[in-house]
Amino acid sequence: MAEFTFFVDADLYMMNGGELAATEEDLHEMGVWGVDIPKEYGMDLGDRVPVHVNGSSAGIRFYSKLLGMKDPLQLEEMDRVLAAAEAKEASSEE
């Protein structure tokens, strides 16, 4: 299991109404077990909405594609976090 917080452009998020091109069932099938998105946010969060995702590495990568994540820094950090989670899982299985 891994977790990662994406920071999504607030204008884009609001323009789409926070809707994704996937159902809850699709998310579970792909390995996304939980998503936490603040329901109320204001100017205190700035121009980014934090989207916290719990799931398998594949599930989190799937969710990043649903979000249309293109920010190279976030993608690089996601890969680093997921690689560490996968290494931890592999070492605990031994």
N, C-alpha and C. Protein backbone atom coordinates (compact mmCIF):
# COMPACT_ATOMS: atom_id res chain seq x y z
N MET A 1 0.84 -1.19 0.00
CA MET A 1 0.00 0.00 0.00
C MET A 1 0.88 1.24 0.00
N ALA A 2 0.42 2.24 -0.68
CA ALA A 2 1.15 3.50 -0.75
C ALA A 2 0.15 4.64 -0.62
N GLU A 3 0.67 5.80 -0.40
CA GLU A 3 -0.18 6.99 -0.38
C GLU A 3 0.60 8.15 -0.97
N PHE A 4 -0.14 9.03 -1.63
CA PHE A 4 0.49 10.18 -2.26
C PHE A 4 -0.52 11.32 -2.33
N THR A 5 -0.03 12.53 -2.16
CA THR A 5 -0.89 13.71 -2.28
C THR A 5 -0.52 14.48 -3.54
N PHE A 6 -1.48 14.57 -4.44
CA PHE A 6 -1.33 15.38 -5.64
C PHE A 6 -1.81 16.79 -5.33
N PHE A 7 -1.22 17.76 -5.96
CA PHE A 7 -1.69 19.14 -5.84
C PHE A 7 -2.20 19.56 -7.22
N VAL A 8 -3.52 19.66 -7.32
CA VAL A 8 -4.20 19.86 -8.59
C VAL A 8 -4.58 21.32 -8.74
N ASP A 9 -4.43 21.85 -9.94
CA ASP A 9 -4.81 23.22 -10.23
C ASP A 9 -6.27 23.44 -9.83
N ALA A 10 -6.52 24.39 -8.95
CA ALA A 10 -7.87 24.63 -8.41
C ALA A 10 -8.85 25.05 -9.50
N ASP A 11 -8.42 25.88 -10.45
CA ASP A 11 -9.32 26.32 -11.51
C ASP A 11 -9.76 25.14 -12.38
N LEU A 12 -8.80 24.28 -12.73
CA LEU A 12 -9.12 23.11 -13.54
C LEU A 12 -10.02 22.16 -12.76
N TYR A 13 -9.72 21.99 -11.48
CA TYR A 13 -10.52 21.11 -10.62
C TYR A 13 -11.96 21.60 -10.56
N MET A 14 -12.15 22.90 -10.36
CA MET A 14 -13.50 23.45 -10.25
C MET A 14 -14.22 23.44 -11.60
N MET A 15 -13.47 23.62 -12.68
CA MET A 15 -14.07 23.62 -14.01
C MET A 15 -14.67 22.24 -14.32
N ASN A 16 -14.00 21.18 -13.85
CA ASN A 16 -14.50 19.82 -14.05
C ASN A 16 -15.45 19.40 -12.94
N GLY A 17 -15.66 20.24 -11.97
CA GLY A 17 -16.55 19.91 -10.86
C GLY A 17 -16.02 18.80 -9.98
N GLY A 18 -14.72 18.55 -10.05
CA GLY A 18 -14.13 17.48 -9.25
C GLY A 18 -14.47 16.10 -9.76
N GLU A 19 -15.04 16.01 -10.96
CA GLU A 19 -15.46 14.73 -11.52
C GLU A 19 -14.30 14.07 -12.28
N LEU A 20 -14.23 12.75 -12.18
CA LEU A 20 -13.24 11.97 -12.91
C LEU A 20 -13.93 11.10 -13.95
N ALA A 21 -13.15 10.66 -14.93
CA ALA A 21 -13.69 9.77 -15.96
C ALA A 21 -13.61 8.32 -15.50
N ALA A 22 -14.03 8.06 -14.27
CA ALA A 22 -14.02 6.70 -13.71
C ALA A 22 -15.05 6.63 -12.60
N THR A 23 -15.61 5.44 -12.42
CA THR A 23 -16.56 5.23 -11.32
C THR A 23 -15.80 4.76 -10.10
N GLU A 24 -16.49 4.73 -8.97
CA GLU A 24 -15.87 4.23 -7.74
C GLU A 24 -15.43 2.78 -7.93
N GLU A 25 -16.24 2.01 -8.63
CA GLU A 25 -15.90 0.61 -8.90
C GLU A 25 -14.61 0.51 -9.74
N ASP A 26 -14.49 1.38 -10.75
CA ASP A 26 -13.27 1.41 -11.57
C ASP A 26 -12.05 1.69 -10.70
N LEU A 27 -12.19 2.64 -9.80
CA LEU A 27 -11.06 3.00 -8.93
C LEU A 27 -10.65 1.82 -8.07
N HIS A 28 -11.62 1.13 -7.47
CA HIS A 28 -11.30 -0.02 -6.62
C HIS A 28 -10.65 -1.14 -7.44
N GLU A 29 -11.14 -1.38 -8.63
CA GLU A 29 -10.57 -2.42 -9.49
C GLU A 29 -9.12 -2.11 -9.85
N MET A 30 -8.81 -0.84 -9.99
CA MET A 30 -7.45 -0.43 -10.36
C MET A 30 -6.51 -0.32 -9.16
N GLY A 31 -7.05 -0.46 -7.95
CA GLY A 31 -6.20 -0.44 -6.77
C GLY A 31 -6.22 0.86 -5.99
N VAL A 32 -7.21 1.70 -6.22
CA VAL A 32 -7.36 2.93 -5.43
C VAL A 32 -8.32 2.61 -4.30
N TRP A 33 -7.83 2.72 -3.05
CA TRP A 33 -8.64 2.33 -1.89
C TRP A 33 -9.26 3.51 -1.17
N GLY A 34 -8.70 4.68 -1.32
CA GLY A 34 -9.26 5.84 -0.66
C GLY A 34 -8.74 7.13 -1.26
N VAL A 35 -9.61 8.13 -1.31
CA VAL A 35 -9.24 9.45 -1.82
C VAL A 35 -9.81 10.48 -0.87
N ASP A 36 -8.97 11.39 -0.43
CA ASP A 36 -9.41 12.46 0.46
C ASP A 36 -9.19 13.80 -0.24
N ILE A 37 -10.29 14.47 -0.52
CA ILE A 37 -10.24 15.78 -1.16
C ILE A 37 -11.00 16.73 -0.25
N PRO A 38 -10.41 17.85 0.14
CA PRO A 38 -11.15 18.78 1.01
C PRO A 38 -12.41 19.27 0.31
N LYS A 39 -13.50 19.21 1.03
CA LYS A 39 -14.78 19.66 0.47
C LYS A 39 -14.90 21.18 0.51
N GLU A 40 -14.29 21.76 1.50
CA GLU A 40 -14.31 23.22 1.61
C GLU A 40 -12.88 23.72 1.68
N TYR A 41 -12.55 24.55 0.78
CA TYR A 41 -11.24 25.17 0.81
C TYR A 41 -11.41 26.59 0.31
N GLY A 42 -10.52 27.39 0.73
CA GLY A 42 -10.61 28.79 0.35
C GLY A 42 -9.28 29.29 -0.12
N MET A 43 -9.11 30.56 0.02
CA MET A 43 -7.89 31.20 -0.42
C MET A 43 -6.68 30.71 0.36
N ASP A 44 -6.91 30.12 1.55
CA ASP A 44 -5.80 29.67 2.37
C ASP A 44 -5.01 28.54 1.70
N LEU A 45 -5.63 27.79 0.78
CA LEU A 45 -4.92 26.73 0.08
C LEU A 45 -4.27 27.22 -1.20
N GLY A 46 -4.51 28.44 -1.56
CA GLY A 46 -3.91 28.99 -2.76
C GLY A 46 -4.54 28.46 -4.02
N ASP A 47 -3.73 28.26 -5.05
CA ASP A 47 -4.27 27.86 -6.35
C ASP A 47 -4.20 26.36 -6.60
N ARG A 48 -3.91 25.59 -5.56
CA ARG A 48 -3.81 24.13 -5.69
C ARG A 48 -4.73 23.44 -4.68
N VAL A 49 -5.38 22.36 -5.13
CA VAL A 49 -6.23 21.55 -4.27
C VAL A 49 -5.47 20.27 -3.94
N PRO A 50 -5.27 19.94 -2.65
CA PRO A 50 -4.58 18.69 -2.31
C PRO A 50 -5.54 17.51 -2.47
N VAL A 51 -5.09 16.50 -3.20
CA VAL A 51 -5.86 15.27 -3.41
C VAL A 51 -5.01 14.12 -2.88
N HIS A 52 -5.40 13.59 -1.70
CA HIS A 52 -4.63 12.54 -1.04
C HIS A 52 -5.21 11.18 -1.45
N VAL A 53 -4.35 10.31 -2.01
CA VAL A 53 -4.79 9.02 -2.54
C VAL A 53 -4.07 7.89 -1.82
N ASN A 54 -4.84 6.88 -1.38
CA ASN A 54 -4.30 5.65 -0.79
C ASN A 54 -4.59 4.51 -1.76
N GLY A 55 -3.60 3.66 -1.99
CA GLY A 55 -3.85 2.53 -2.87
C GLY A 55 -2.58 1.81 -3.24
N SER A 56 -2.71 0.92 -4.20
CA SER A 56 -1.54 0.23 -4.73
C SER A 56 -0.77 1.22 -5.61
N SER A 57 0.46 0.85 -5.94
CA SER A 57 1.24 1.71 -6.82
C SER A 57 0.54 1.90 -8.16
N ALA A 58 -0.01 0.80 -8.69
CA ALA A 58 -0.72 0.89 -9.97
C ALA A 58 -1.95 1.78 -9.84
N GLY A 59 -2.63 1.69 -8.70
CA GLY A 59 -3.82 2.51 -8.48
C GLY A 59 -3.50 3.99 -8.43
N ILE A 60 -2.41 4.32 -7.77
CA ILE A 60 -2.01 5.74 -7.68
C ILE A 60 -1.57 6.26 -9.05
N ARG A 61 -0.86 5.43 -9.80
CA ARG A 61 -0.48 5.85 -11.17
C ARG A 61 -1.73 6.04 -12.04
N PHE A 62 -2.71 5.15 -11.88
CA PHE A 62 -3.98 5.27 -12.61
C PHE A 62 -4.66 6.59 -12.26
N TYR A 63 -4.69 6.91 -10.97
CA TYR A 63 -5.35 8.14 -10.53
C TYR A 63 -4.63 9.37 -11.08
N SER A 64 -3.30 9.32 -11.15
CA SER A 64 -2.56 10.46 -11.70
C SER A 64 -2.94 10.70 -13.16
N LYS A 65 -3.20 9.61 -13.89
CA LYS A 65 -3.63 9.75 -15.30
C LYS A 65 -5.03 10.33 -15.38
N LEU A 66 -5.92 9.90 -14.46
CA LEU A 66 -7.27 10.46 -14.43
C LEU A 66 -7.23 11.96 -14.18
N LEU A 67 -6.31 12.38 -13.32
CA LEU A 67 -6.17 13.81 -13.01
C LEU A 67 -5.52 14.58 -14.15
N GLY A 68 -4.93 13.86 -15.10
CA GLY A 68 -4.21 14.52 -16.18
C GLY A 68 -2.93 15.17 -15.68
N MET A 69 -2.31 14.53 -14.68
CA MET A 69 -1.12 15.09 -14.05
C MET A 69 0.04 15.13 -15.05
N LYS A 70 0.57 16.33 -15.26
CA LYS A 70 1.68 16.52 -16.19
C LYS A 70 2.86 17.22 -15.53
N ASP A 71 2.69 17.66 -14.31
CA ASP A 71 3.74 18.37 -13.59
C ASP A 71 4.92 17.42 -13.36
N PRO A 72 6.07 17.69 -14.00
CA PRO A 72 7.19 16.76 -13.89
C PRO A 72 7.71 16.60 -12.46
N LEU A 73 7.65 17.64 -11.67
CA LEU A 73 8.11 17.53 -10.28
C LEU A 73 7.21 16.60 -9.47
N GLN A 74 5.90 16.72 -9.64
CA GLN A 74 4.98 15.84 -8.92
C GLN A 74 5.11 14.40 -9.41
N LEU A 75 5.26 14.22 -10.72
CA LEU A 75 5.40 12.86 -11.26
C LEU A 75 6.69 12.21 -10.77
N GLU A 76 7.76 12.99 -10.72
CA GLU A 76 9.04 12.47 -10.22
C GLU A 76 8.93 12.09 -8.75
N GLU A 77 8.30 12.94 -7.96
CA GLU A 77 8.11 12.65 -6.53
C GLU A 77 7.20 11.43 -6.35
N MET A 78 6.15 11.32 -7.15
CA MET A 78 5.27 10.16 -7.08
C MET A 78 6.05 8.88 -7.37
N ASP A 79 6.87 8.89 -8.42
CA ASP A 79 7.67 7.71 -8.75
C ASP A 79 8.61 7.34 -7.61
N ARG A 80 9.21 8.35 -6.97
CA ARG A 80 10.12 8.10 -5.85
C ARG A 80 9.37 7.48 -4.68
N VAL A 81 8.22 8.05 -4.33
CA VAL A 81 7.42 7.54 -3.21
C VAL A 81 6.93 6.12 -3.48
N LEU A 82 6.47 5.88 -4.70
CA LEU A 82 5.96 4.55 -5.04
C LEU A 82 7.08 3.51 -5.09
N ALA A 83 8.26 3.89 -5.57
CA ALA A 83 9.39 2.97 -5.57
C ALA A 83 9.77 2.58 -4.15
N ALA A 84 9.75 3.55 -3.23
CA ALA A 84 10.06 3.27 -1.83
C ALA A 84 9.00 2.34 -1.22
N ALA A 85 7.73 2.57 -1.53
CA ALA A 85 6.65 1.72 -1.02
C ALA A 85 6.78 0.31 -1.56
N GLU A 86 7.11 0.17 -2.84
CA GLU A 86 7.28 -1.14 -3.45
C GLU A 86 8.47 -1.87 -2.84
N ALA A 87 9.57 -1.16 -2.58
CA ALA A 87 10.74 -1.77 -1.95
C ALA A 87 10.41 -2.23 -0.54
N LYS A 88 9.64 -1.43 0.18
CA LYS A 88 9.25 -1.79 1.55
C LYS A 88 8.37 -3.05 1.53
N GLU A 89 7.42 -3.12 0.59
CA GLU A 89 6.56 -4.29 0.47
C GLU A 89 7.37 -5.53 0.12
N ALA A 90 8.34 -5.38 -0.79
CA ALA A 90 9.16 -6.51 -1.20
C ALA A 90 10.01 -7.03 -0.05
N SER A 91 10.56 -6.12 0.76
CA SER A 91 11.40 -6.54 1.88
C SER A 91 10.58 -7.19 2.99
N SER A 92 9.33 -6.79 3.15
CA SER A 92 8.48 -7.39 4.19
C SER A 92 7.98 -8.77 3.77
N GLU A 93 7.99 -9.06 2.47
CA GLU A 93 7.57 -10.37 1.98
C GLU A 93 8.67 -11.41 2.13
N GLU A 94 9.90 -10.97 2.30
CA GLU A 94 11.04 -11.90 2.41
C GLU A 94 11.13 -12.52 3.77
